[in-house]
Protein backbone atom coordinates (compact mmCIF):
# COMPACT_ATOMS: atom_id res chain seq x y z
CA MET A 1 -95.34 76.78 250.47
CA ASN A 2 -98.43 78.92 249.88
CA SER A 3 -97.96 82.41 248.49
CA ILE A 4 -98.52 85.15 251.07
CA PRO A 5 -100.94 87.82 249.81
CA LEU A 6 -99.88 91.44 250.13
CA VAL A 7 -102.34 93.66 251.97
CA HIS A 8 -102.14 97.39 251.33
CA LEU A 9 -101.87 99.19 254.67
CA HIS A 10 -100.86 102.75 253.94
CA SER A 11 -99.66 105.13 251.25
CA GLY A 12 -97.68 108.19 252.26
CA LYS A 13 -96.19 110.98 250.22
CA VAL A 14 -93.45 108.67 248.97
CA ARG A 15 -93.92 105.11 250.27
CA ASP A 16 -96.56 102.45 249.87
CA ILE A 17 -96.65 99.92 252.71
CA TYR A 18 -98.07 96.41 252.51
CA GLY A 19 -98.57 93.73 255.09
CA ALA A 20 -96.63 90.59 254.15
CA GLY A 21 -97.73 88.22 256.87
CA ASP A 22 -98.17 88.76 260.58
CA ASP A 23 -94.63 89.89 261.31
CA ARG A 24 -93.41 91.48 258.06
CA LEU A 25 -93.98 94.58 255.98
CA LEU A 26 -93.19 95.31 252.34
CA MET A 27 -92.15 98.94 251.85
CA VAL A 28 -92.21 100.19 248.26
CA THR A 29 -90.51 103.54 247.65
CA SER A 30 -92.01 105.41 244.71
CA ASP A 31 -90.57 108.22 242.60
CA ARG A 32 -93.15 110.64 244.02
CA ILE A 33 -91.82 113.89 245.41
CA SER A 34 -93.44 116.43 247.69
CA ALA A 35 -92.63 120.04 248.38
CA PHE A 36 -94.30 122.25 250.96
CA ASP A 37 -96.30 119.16 251.96
CA VAL A 38 -97.87 118.85 248.50
CA VAL A 39 -97.13 115.86 246.27
CA MET A 40 -96.08 116.93 242.78
CA SER A 41 -97.65 115.38 239.68
CA GLU A 42 -94.34 114.51 238.03
CA PRO A 43 -92.25 111.57 239.29
CA ILE A 44 -88.50 112.02 239.79
CA ALA A 45 -86.70 109.27 237.89
CA ASP A 46 -84.60 106.96 240.10
CA LYS A 47 -85.61 108.69 243.35
CA GLY A 48 -87.18 105.54 244.80
CA ARG A 49 -84.13 103.48 243.91
CA VAL A 50 -81.79 106.03 245.46
CA LEU A 51 -83.70 106.11 248.75
CA THR A 52 -83.85 102.32 248.92
CA ALA A 53 -80.21 101.77 247.94
CA MET A 54 -78.98 104.42 250.36
CA THR A 55 -81.04 103.06 253.25
CA SER A 56 -79.75 99.54 252.55
CA PHE A 57 -76.18 100.88 252.53
CA TRP A 58 -76.55 102.52 255.94
CA PHE A 59 -78.21 99.47 257.48
CA GLU A 60 -75.00 97.64 256.54
CA GLN A 61 -72.80 100.38 258.01
CA PHE A 62 -74.67 100.51 261.32
CA ALA A 63 -75.24 96.78 261.83
CA ASP A 64 -72.69 96.60 264.66
CA ILE A 65 -74.34 99.57 266.43
CA VAL A 66 -78.01 98.68 266.25
CA PRO A 67 -79.99 95.96 264.46
CA GLY A 68 -82.17 97.08 261.57
CA HIS A 69 -85.61 95.88 260.59
CA LEU A 70 -84.52 95.19 256.99
CA ILE A 71 -84.75 91.57 255.82
CA ALA A 72 -84.10 91.85 252.08
CA THR A 73 -84.14 94.21 249.11
CA ASP A 74 -83.63 91.79 246.20
CA THR A 75 -86.85 90.63 244.59
CA GLY A 76 -85.70 87.01 244.37
CA THR A 77 -85.41 86.73 248.15
CA ILE A 78 -88.61 88.69 248.64
CA ASP A 79 -90.48 86.36 246.28
CA GLU A 80 -89.09 83.33 248.11
CA VAL A 81 -90.04 84.67 251.53
CA LEU A 82 -93.53 85.49 250.26
CA GLY A 83 -93.96 81.90 249.12
CA GLY A 84 -93.04 82.23 245.43
CA GLY A 85 -95.26 82.32 242.40
CA ASN A 86 -95.66 86.09 242.31
CA ASP A 87 -96.25 87.92 239.02
CA PRO A 88 -92.84 88.45 237.31
CA ASP A 89 -93.97 91.83 236.00
CA LEU A 90 -94.91 92.88 239.54
CA LEU A 91 -91.51 91.79 240.84
CA ALA A 92 -89.73 93.62 238.02
CA GLY A 93 -91.59 96.80 238.92
CA LEU A 94 -90.48 96.42 242.53
CA ALA A 95 -86.82 95.92 241.69
CA GLY A 96 -84.50 98.31 243.47
CA ARG A 97 -87.24 100.19 245.32
CA THR A 98 -88.54 97.59 247.77
CA MET A 99 -87.62 96.55 251.30
CA LEU A 100 -89.00 93.51 253.07
CA CYS A 101 -88.85 94.34 256.77
CA ASN A 102 -89.69 92.97 260.16
CA ARG A 103 -92.79 94.64 261.53
CA ALA A 104 -91.87 96.91 264.44
CA GLU A 105 -93.82 98.83 267.04
CA MET A 106 -92.67 102.30 266.01
CA LEU A 107 -91.77 104.92 268.59
CA PRO A 108 -94.08 107.97 268.43
CA ILE A 109 -91.10 110.32 268.06
CA GLU A 110 -88.74 111.34 265.28
CA CYS A 111 -85.13 111.03 266.44
CA ILE A 112 -83.46 114.08 264.92
CA VAL A 113 -79.75 114.76 265.29
CA ARG A 114 -78.34 118.16 264.37
CA GLY A 115 -74.67 118.73 263.72
CA TYR A 116 -75.27 122.19 262.23
CA ILE A 117 -77.94 124.77 263.00
CA THR A 118 -80.31 125.24 260.10
CA GLY A 119 -83.96 124.87 259.15
CA SER A 120 -86.50 125.11 261.96
CA ALA A 121 -83.75 125.05 264.58
CA TRP A 122 -82.18 128.17 263.08
CA LYS A 123 -85.54 129.96 263.00
CA GLU A 124 -86.10 129.19 266.68
CA TYR A 125 -82.58 130.33 267.55
CA GLN A 126 -83.16 133.63 265.76
CA ARG A 127 -86.35 134.21 267.77
CA CYS A 128 -85.33 132.96 271.19
CA GLY A 129 -81.67 131.99 271.29
CA THR A 130 -82.75 128.39 271.93
CA MET A 131 -82.98 125.09 270.05
CA HIS A 132 -85.92 122.89 270.99
CA GLY A 133 -86.27 125.03 274.08
CA SER A 134 -82.66 124.64 275.27
CA PRO A 135 -80.39 127.71 275.44
CA MET A 136 -77.67 127.85 272.78
CA PRO A 137 -74.41 129.84 272.66
CA ALA A 138 -74.68 133.42 271.47
CA GLY A 139 -73.29 134.44 268.12
CA LEU A 140 -74.20 131.41 266.04
CA LYS A 141 -74.75 132.01 262.34
CA GLU A 142 -77.02 130.13 259.99
CA ALA A 143 -75.39 126.78 259.09
CA SER A 144 -72.87 127.09 261.94
CA ARG A 145 -71.36 123.80 263.07
CA LEU A 146 -72.39 122.88 266.61
CA LEU A 147 -69.73 121.99 269.18
CA GLN A 148 -71.24 118.50 269.32
CA PRO A 149 -74.27 116.86 267.71
CA VAL A 150 -77.53 117.53 269.52
CA PHE A 151 -80.50 115.18 269.80
CA THR A 152 -83.66 117.20 269.08
CA PRO A 153 -86.75 114.98 268.91
CA SER A 154 -90.08 115.80 267.35
CA THR A 155 -93.49 114.21 267.31
CA LYS A 156 -94.78 112.48 264.22
CA ALA A 157 -97.54 114.20 262.29
CA ASP A 158 -99.89 112.44 259.87
CA GLU A 159 -100.12 115.63 257.83
CA GLY A 160 -98.02 118.75 257.67
CA HIS A 161 -94.82 119.42 259.56
CA ASP A 162 -93.78 117.49 262.64
CA ILE A 163 -93.70 119.36 265.95
CA ASN A 164 -90.40 119.97 267.74
CA ILE A 165 -90.42 118.81 271.37
CA SER A 166 -87.98 118.85 274.27
CA TYR A 167 -86.10 115.79 275.44
CA ALA A 168 -88.24 115.80 278.59
CA GLU A 169 -91.36 115.60 276.46
CA ALA A 170 -89.82 112.67 274.56
CA VAL A 171 -89.26 110.92 277.89
CA ASP A 172 -92.92 111.46 278.71
CA LEU A 173 -93.90 109.80 275.42
CA VAL A 174 -91.62 106.74 275.42
CA GLY A 175 -90.14 106.47 278.91
CA ALA A 176 -86.71 107.40 280.25
CA ASP A 177 -84.88 104.19 279.31
CA VAL A 178 -86.15 104.06 275.73
CA ALA A 179 -85.58 107.79 275.21
CA GLU A 180 -81.99 107.55 276.43
CA GLU A 181 -81.25 104.50 274.27
CA ALA A 182 -82.80 106.16 271.22
CA ARG A 183 -80.78 109.32 271.85
CA SER A 184 -77.52 107.42 272.29
CA LEU A 185 -78.06 105.27 269.19
CA SER A 186 -79.09 108.28 267.10
CA ILE A 187 -75.99 110.28 267.98
CA THR A 188 -73.69 107.28 267.51
CA CYS A 189 -75.13 106.54 264.06
CA TYR A 190 -74.98 110.21 263.10
CA LEU A 191 -71.33 110.51 264.10
CA ARG A 192 -70.34 107.46 262.08
CA GLY A 193 -72.38 108.54 259.07
CA ALA A 194 -71.06 112.12 259.23
CA GLU A 195 -67.46 110.91 259.43
CA TRP A 196 -67.98 108.60 256.46
CA ALA A 197 -69.59 111.37 254.40
CA ALA A 198 -66.97 113.97 255.36
CA GLU A 199 -64.25 111.76 253.92
CA ARG A 200 -66.13 112.05 250.63
CA GLY A 201 -66.63 115.81 250.71
CA ILE A 202 -70.20 115.76 252.03
CA ILE A 203 -71.51 117.38 255.20
CA ILE A 204 -74.51 115.77 256.88
CA ALA A 205 -75.99 118.85 258.53
CA ASP A 206 -78.80 116.99 260.26
CA THR A 207 -80.83 113.83 259.90
CA LYS A 208 -83.90 112.01 261.17
CA PHE A 209 -83.79 108.45 262.46
CA GLU A 210 -86.75 106.26 263.32
CA PHE A 211 -86.74 103.40 265.78
CA GLY A 212 -89.18 100.69 266.69
CA LEU A 213 -89.44 97.75 269.03
CA VAL A 214 -89.14 94.16 267.84
CA ASP A 215 -89.46 91.57 270.61
CA GLY A 216 -88.90 94.34 273.12
CA SER A 217 -85.62 95.58 271.64
CA LEU A 218 -84.98 98.80 269.72
CA VAL A 219 -84.26 98.44 266.00
CA LEU A 220 -83.42 101.03 263.38
CA ALA A 221 -86.32 101.33 260.93
CA ASP A 222 -87.69 103.04 257.84
CA GLU A 223 -85.29 105.18 255.77
CA VAL A 224 -81.78 105.96 256.98
CA LEU A 225 -79.57 108.93 256.05
CA THR A 226 -81.18 109.60 252.68
CA PRO A 227 -81.59 112.96 250.92
CA ASP A 228 -85.23 112.92 252.06
CA SER A 229 -84.43 112.40 255.75
CA SER A 230 -81.19 114.41 255.91
CA ARG A 231 -79.52 117.58 254.72
CA PHE A 232 -76.46 116.79 252.61
CA TRP A 233 -74.22 119.73 251.74
CA SER A 234 -71.09 119.90 249.62
CA ALA A 235 -68.23 120.62 252.04
CA GLU A 236 -66.55 122.92 249.56
CA LEU A 237 -69.60 125.21 249.46
CA TRP A 238 -70.14 125.43 253.22
CA GLU A 239 -69.45 128.53 255.24
CA PRO A 240 -71.26 129.86 258.33
CA GLY A 241 -73.85 132.47 257.51
CA VAL A 242 -75.00 130.89 254.24
CA THR A 243 -76.94 127.66 253.83
CA PRO A 244 -75.50 125.64 250.92
CA PRO A 245 -77.85 123.93 248.44
CA SER A 246 -78.87 120.45 249.51
CA PHE A 247 -78.54 117.21 247.55
CA ASP A 248 -82.26 116.69 247.44
CA LYS A 249 -85.36 118.41 246.09
CA GLN A 250 -83.70 121.85 246.09
CA PRO A 251 -84.36 122.46 242.35
CA VAL A 252 -88.06 121.75 242.93
CA ARG A 253 -88.27 124.07 245.92
CA ASP A 254 -86.37 126.84 244.13
CA TYR A 255 -88.66 126.61 241.10
CA LEU A 256 -91.84 126.61 243.18
CA GLU A 257 -90.62 129.60 245.22
CA SER A 258 -90.28 131.53 241.96
CA LEU A 259 -94.00 131.10 241.21
CA ASP A 260 -97.08 132.86 242.48
CA TRP A 261 -98.39 129.65 244.06
CA ASP A 262 -100.20 129.45 247.41
CA LYS A 263 -98.54 126.10 248.24
CA GLN A 264 -101.89 124.35 248.27
CA PRO A 265 -103.05 121.50 245.98
CA PRO A 266 -103.15 121.16 243.07
CA PRO A 267 -99.45 121.63 242.44
CA PRO A 268 -98.11 123.49 239.41
CA ALA A 269 -96.45 121.44 236.67
CA LEU A 270 -92.70 120.98 236.95
CA PRO A 271 -90.63 121.72 233.82
CA ASP A 272 -88.59 118.83 232.43
CA GLU A 273 -85.33 120.55 233.32
CA VAL A 274 -86.35 120.83 236.99
CA VAL A 275 -87.34 117.15 237.10
CA SER A 276 -84.05 116.15 235.45
CA ALA A 277 -81.94 118.35 237.73
CA THR A 278 -83.63 116.93 240.81
CA SER A 279 -83.09 113.35 239.68
CA SER A 280 -79.42 114.10 239.06
CA ARG A 281 -78.99 115.52 242.57
CA TYR A 282 -80.43 112.39 244.17
CA VAL A 283 -78.22 110.11 242.11
CA GLU A 284 -75.15 112.25 242.84
CA ALA A 285 -75.87 112.13 246.57
CA TYR A 286 -76.01 108.34 246.52
CA GLU A 287 -72.90 107.87 244.43
CA ARG A 288 -70.76 110.45 246.26
CA VAL A 289 -71.71 109.27 249.73
CA THR A 290 -71.59 105.52 249.16
CA GLY A 291 -68.90 105.36 246.49
CA ARG A 292 -71.16 103.02 244.54
CA SER A 293 -72.78 103.36 241.13
CA LEU A 294 -76.57 103.47 241.02
CA ALA A 295 -76.39 101.63 237.69
CA GLU A 296 -75.28 98.57 239.68
CA TRP A 297 -78.36 98.71 241.91
CA PRO A 298 -81.38 96.62 240.78
CA GLY A 299 -83.92 98.24 238.50
CA SER A 300 -81.54 100.21 236.35
CA ASP A 301 -82.81 98.62 233.13
CA LEU A 302 -86.46 99.45 233.76
């Protein structure tokens, strides 16, 4: 078998994506971190491993609900699928942070599910009493739990923040049947994930799913219920009216907010204690939610 060359296709704020043949992609999750849409200079140790391990975990949990595009995360299988003979040092550097995936035709919408009102949804509610244009009950407080999870799509943006849209606008973009299936799958996955996390003292306030088409069928793709795509709160710290700290880049955001920085590149340097605290929050999120040790995930000896 001839070795399949990797072709660099795209680098985002966190991920580097390579073509691995006509029908596969190799997604490498770095330790890069962004805040206010600016990538920081300092990597966050273990962040890429956490995002990859957590996504792999949820693909397992949701396999009976919707197929995922993930083929493999272990470098041995990836090397075999790519034809073997790849540089051992390259494979070692990929350990624990790499997903070999089926190539999918991605939907041009972000499938957001909100179980609590916070973030941009809370800001809209304060202004208009609506969420993504739909009227909401009066008297909600910041971080209030919604009566039932709500599907609130957005459009994908190459740069900057995504744009919230109505469900009707999502239908216009992807068609009624696909929009309804994506909404149903998103809410079903959210409910299962939220129930799982709640049993472990974690609230999933909201999350973003992505779906694509493989052979005409919807598959779950990209990252799933990670600290980068979701808001994880400690249940013991939650109360309506106050937004609890998230298990994500909160230490980075808090530090940057304390500076006189215009939130434009270049970014200010992050102190070691902020980098360490942020890494610890990512690792804690993975271990509390999954019940697994990150030390047992590949790449821990690097």
